[in-house]
Structures are given as structure tokens and as C-alpha cells.
């Protein structure tokens, strides 16, 4: 196929999916994180009650709830010329709360 610009159009070779993630938010929480003992795993050791943490530490909210809309395209043929997976998306809006203390904590993480 040839598109309007005269370029080859390979879109018919891709299965297309839409993924909408809604009401995402980012929190900075003070939690103890340590390596597991012999009889522990990371999943049981670092299990967090997110709902309780979210209520207790509302002031640690870094990013307001936001939505992400993703388009995922998976190539239906094996080809070295075409990407196997293509991902694109939109982020309608993003707002957050930053203080000097939060900035310091973020820099420690990085």
C-alpha cells in the first residue's frame, strides 16, 4: 500500500490495541525496605497497604491523579525491517506538588 505522502503504508501488518490507564497517581512514602531473610520474599516483606498509606500521607502526594492513553501495535509478521512493537500515547494533563523537601527526597532516589 502507498499512503497520501507516497510512502509505503505498513499499518495493515499490525494488530492494534488501545490501553487507557485512568486515575493514576504517584506518592512518595517513607517505608523500610530491606533485603529478605532466607524464609522471606520481596513480595511478602515489602507488602504495603496502599489505601492506608494514601490516606495517612496525603501531603506526600507528588502528582495529582492523571490518565494515560496508549496505542500498542504488534507486527503480525516476522520482519527485520519492521519494528515488532510500536507504542505511542497521550498524557492529557499532568500537575503536581513539589516542595524543597520532596525535591531533596527525589534527588536521593536518583
C-alpha atoms as a PDB file:
ATOM      1  CA  UNK A   1       0.000   0.000   0.000  1.00  0.00           C
ATOM      2  CA  UNK A   2       1.069   3.598  -0.666  1.00  0.00           C
ATOM      3  CA  UNK A   3      -0.194   6.410   1.620  1.00  0.00           C
ATOM      4  CA  UNK A   4      -1.051  10.013   0.638  1.00  0.00           C
ATOM      5  CA  UNK A   5       2.596  11.121   1.025  1.00  0.00           C
ATOM      6  CA  UNK A   6       3.814   8.469  -1.396  1.00  0.00           C
ATOM      7  CA  UNK A   7       5.383   6.345   1.344  1.00  0.00           C
ATOM      8  CA  UNK A   8       4.717   2.654   1.821  1.00  0.00           C
ATOM      9  CA  UNK A   9       1.966   2.045   4.376  1.00  0.00           C
ATOM     10  CA  UNK A  10       2.606  -0.992   6.570  1.00  0.00           C
ATOM     11  CA  UNK A  11      -0.182  -0.315   9.072  1.00  0.00           C
ATOM     12  CA  UNK A  12      -2.189  -3.284   7.807  1.00  0.00           C
ATOM     13  CA  UNK A  13       0.605  -5.561   9.099  1.00  0.00           C
ATOM     14  CA  UNK A  14      -0.052  -4.563  12.718  1.00  0.00           C
ATOM     15  CA  UNK A  15      -2.650  -5.646  15.259  1.00  0.00           C
ATOM     16  CA  UNK A  16      -3.751  -2.508  17.105  1.00  0.00           C
ATOM     17  CA  UNK A  17      -4.717  -2.189  20.759  1.00  0.00           C
ATOM     18  CA  UNK A  18      -5.799   0.783  22.887  1.00  0.00           C
ATOM     19  CA  UNK A  19      -4.874   0.856  26.560  1.00  0.00           C
ATOM     20  CA  UNK A  20      -6.362   3.545  28.803  1.00  0.00           C
ATOM     21  CA  UNK A  21      -4.936   3.904  32.307  1.00  0.00           C
ATOM     22  CA  UNK A  22      -7.041   6.209  34.446  1.00  0.00           C
ATOM     23  CA  UNK A  23      -6.717   7.847  37.846  1.00  0.00           C
ATOM     24  CA  UNK A  24      -3.002   7.094  38.275  1.00  0.00           C
ATOM     25  CA  UNK A  25      -1.124   8.953  40.975  1.00  0.00           C
ATOM     26  CA  UNK A  26       2.398   8.986  42.395  1.00  0.00           C
ATOM     27  CA  UNK A  27       3.160   9.021  46.101  1.00  0.00           C
ATOM     28  CA  UNK A  28       6.426   9.361  47.972  1.00  0.00           C
ATOM     29  CA  UNK A  29       6.222   7.180  51.059  1.00  0.00           C
ATOM     30  CA  UNK A  30       8.630   6.660  53.912  1.00  0.00           C
ATOM     31  CA  UNK A  31       8.886   2.883  54.181  1.00  0.00           C
ATOM     32  CA  UNK A  32      11.514   0.483  55.434  1.00  0.00           C
ATOM     33  CA  UNK A  33      12.927  -1.581  52.609  1.00  0.00           C
ATOM     34  CA  UNK A  34      15.459  -4.278  53.321  1.00  0.00           C
ATOM     35  CA  UNK A  35      16.678  -7.483  51.765  1.00  0.00           C
ATOM     36  CA  UNK A  36      14.619 -10.556  52.654  1.00  0.00           C
ATOM     37  CA  UNK A  37      15.780 -13.211  55.084  1.00  0.00           C
ATOM     38  CA  UNK A  38      16.084 -16.818  53.977  1.00  0.00           C
ATOM     39  CA  UNK A  39      12.395 -17.605  54.581  1.00  0.00           C
ATOM     40  CA  UNK A  40      11.028 -14.300  53.195  1.00  0.00           C
ATOM     41  CA  UNK A  41      10.488 -12.999  49.714  1.00  0.00           C
ATOM     42  CA  UNK A  42      10.483  -9.408  48.466  1.00  0.00           C
ATOM     43  CA  UNK A  43       6.747  -9.590  47.784  1.00  0.00           C
ATOM     44  CA  UNK A  44       5.782 -10.536  51.342  1.00  0.00           C
ATOM     45  CA  UNK A  45       8.450  -8.395  53.011  1.00  0.00           C
ATOM     46  CA  UNK A  46       7.651  -5.148  51.221  1.00  0.00           C
ATOM     47  CA  UNK A  47       3.861  -5.528  51.050  1.00  0.00           C
ATOM     48  CA  UNK A  48       2.262  -2.124  51.596  1.00  0.00           C
ATOM     49  CA  UNK A  49      -1.344  -1.233  52.381  1.00  0.00           C
ATOM     50  CA  UNK A  50      -1.569   1.420  49.631  1.00  0.00           C
ATOM     51  CA  UNK A  51      -5.044   2.630  50.576  1.00  0.00           C
ATOM     52  CA  UNK A  52      -3.987   3.305  54.183  1.00  0.00           C
ATOM     53  CA  UNK A  53      -0.673   4.873  53.117  1.00  0.00           C
ATOM     54  CA  UNK A  54      -2.520   7.123  50.668  1.00  0.00           C
ATOM     55  CA  UNK A  55      -4.871   8.402  53.392  1.00  0.00           C
ATOM     56  CA  UNK A  56      -2.186   8.761  56.066  1.00  0.00           C
ATOM     57  CA  UNK A  57       0.354  10.581  53.922  1.00  0.00           C
ATOM     58  CA  UNK A  58      -1.781  12.727  51.623  1.00  0.00           C
ATOM     59  CA  UNK A  59       0.765  15.542  51.957  1.00  0.00           C
ATOM     60  CA  UNK A  60       3.301  13.285  50.233  1.00  0.00           C
ATOM     61  CA  UNK A  61       1.294  13.302  47.030  1.00  0.00           C
ATOM     62  CA  UNK A  62       3.688  14.239  44.256  1.00  0.00           C
ATOM     63  CA  UNK A  63       1.490  14.019  41.165  1.00  0.00           C
ATOM     64  CA  UNK A  64      -2.266  14.545  41.017  1.00  0.00           C
ATOM     65  CA  UNK A  65      -4.391  11.782  39.514  1.00  0.00           C
ATOM     66  CA  UNK A  66      -3.799  11.585  35.786  1.00  0.00           C
ATOM     67  CA  UNK A  67      -4.757   9.498  32.760  1.00  0.00           C
ATOM     68  CA  UNK A  68      -2.590   7.910  30.093  1.00  0.00           C
ATOM     69  CA  UNK A  69      -3.914   6.704  26.750  1.00  0.00           C
ATOM     70  CA  UNK A  70      -1.616   4.250  24.970  1.00  0.00           C
ATOM     71  CA  UNK A  71      -1.762   2.805  21.467  1.00  0.00           C
ATOM     72  CA  UNK A  72       0.002  -0.525  21.099  1.00  0.00           C
ATOM     73  CA  UNK A  73       0.723  -2.027  17.675  1.00  0.00           C
ATOM     74  CA  UNK A  74       2.150  -5.531  17.317  1.00  0.00           C
ATOM     75  CA  UNK A  75       3.556  -6.665  13.974  1.00  0.00           C
ATOM     76  CA  UNK A  76       1.843  -9.812  12.689  1.00  0.00           C
ATOM     77  CA  UNK A  77       4.811 -10.954  10.567  1.00  0.00           C
ATOM     78  CA  UNK A  78       8.467 -11.645  11.318  1.00  0.00           C
ATOM     79  CA  UNK A  79      10.495  -8.934   9.634  1.00  0.00           C
ATOM     80  CA  UNK A  80      13.875  -7.392  10.341  1.00  0.00           C
ATOM     81  CA  UNK A  81      12.769  -4.200   8.554  1.00  0.00           C
ATOM     82  CA  UNK A  82       9.681  -3.505  10.675  1.00  0.00           C
ATOM     83  CA  UNK A  83       9.517  -2.903  14.414  1.00  0.00           C
ATOM     84  CA  UNK A  84       7.916  -5.799  16.273  1.00  0.00           C
ATOM     85  CA  UNK A  85       6.089  -3.479  18.708  1.00  0.00           C
ATOM     86  CA  UNK A  86       5.174   0.194  18.390  1.00  0.00           C
ATOM     87  CA  UNK A  87       3.884   2.195  21.366  1.00  0.00           C
ATOM     88  CA  UNK A  88       2.516   5.732  21.264  1.00  0.00           C
ATOM     89  CA  UNK A  89       0.300   7.634  23.623  1.00  0.00           C
ATOM     90  CA  UNK A  90      -1.078  10.819  25.075  1.00  0.00           C
ATOM     91  CA  UNK A  91      -0.906  12.358  28.502  1.00  0.00           C
ATOM     92  CA  UNK A  92      -3.839  14.820  28.602  1.00  0.00           C
ATOM     93  CA  UNK A  93      -2.622  16.761  31.651  1.00  0.00           C
ATOM     94  CA  UNK A  94      -0.169  16.427  34.490  1.00  0.00           C
ATOM     95  CA  UNK A  95       0.055  18.532  37.636  1.00  0.00           C
ATOM     96  CA  UNK A  96       1.991  18.022  40.803  1.00  0.00           C
ATOM     97  CA  UNK A  97       3.104  19.397  44.143  1.00  0.00           C
ATOM     98  CA  UNK A  98       6.781  19.940  44.744  1.00  0.00           C
ATOM     99  CA  UNK A  99       8.412  21.302  47.883  1.00  0.00           C
ATOM    100  CA  UNK A 100      12.096  21.619  48.719  1.00  0.00           C
ATOM    101  CA  UNK A 101      11.794  18.574  50.998  1.00  0.00           C
ATOM    102  CA  UNK A 102      10.252  16.462  48.215  1.00  0.00           C
ATOM    103  CA  UNK A 103      12.877  17.666  45.756  1.00  0.00           C
ATOM    104  CA  UNK A 104      15.597  16.576  48.189  1.00  0.00           C
ATOM    105  CA  UNK A 105      13.985  13.134  48.599  1.00  0.00           C
ATOM    106  CA  UNK A 106      13.653  12.710  44.837  1.00  0.00           C
ATOM    107  CA  UNK A 107      17.316  13.612  44.346  1.00  0.00           C
ATOM    108  CA  UNK A 108      18.291  10.996  46.958  1.00  0.00           C
ATOM    109  CA  UNK A 109      16.421   8.364  44.984  1.00  0.00           C
ATOM    110  CA  UNK A 110      18.106   9.323  41.728  1.00  0.00           C
END
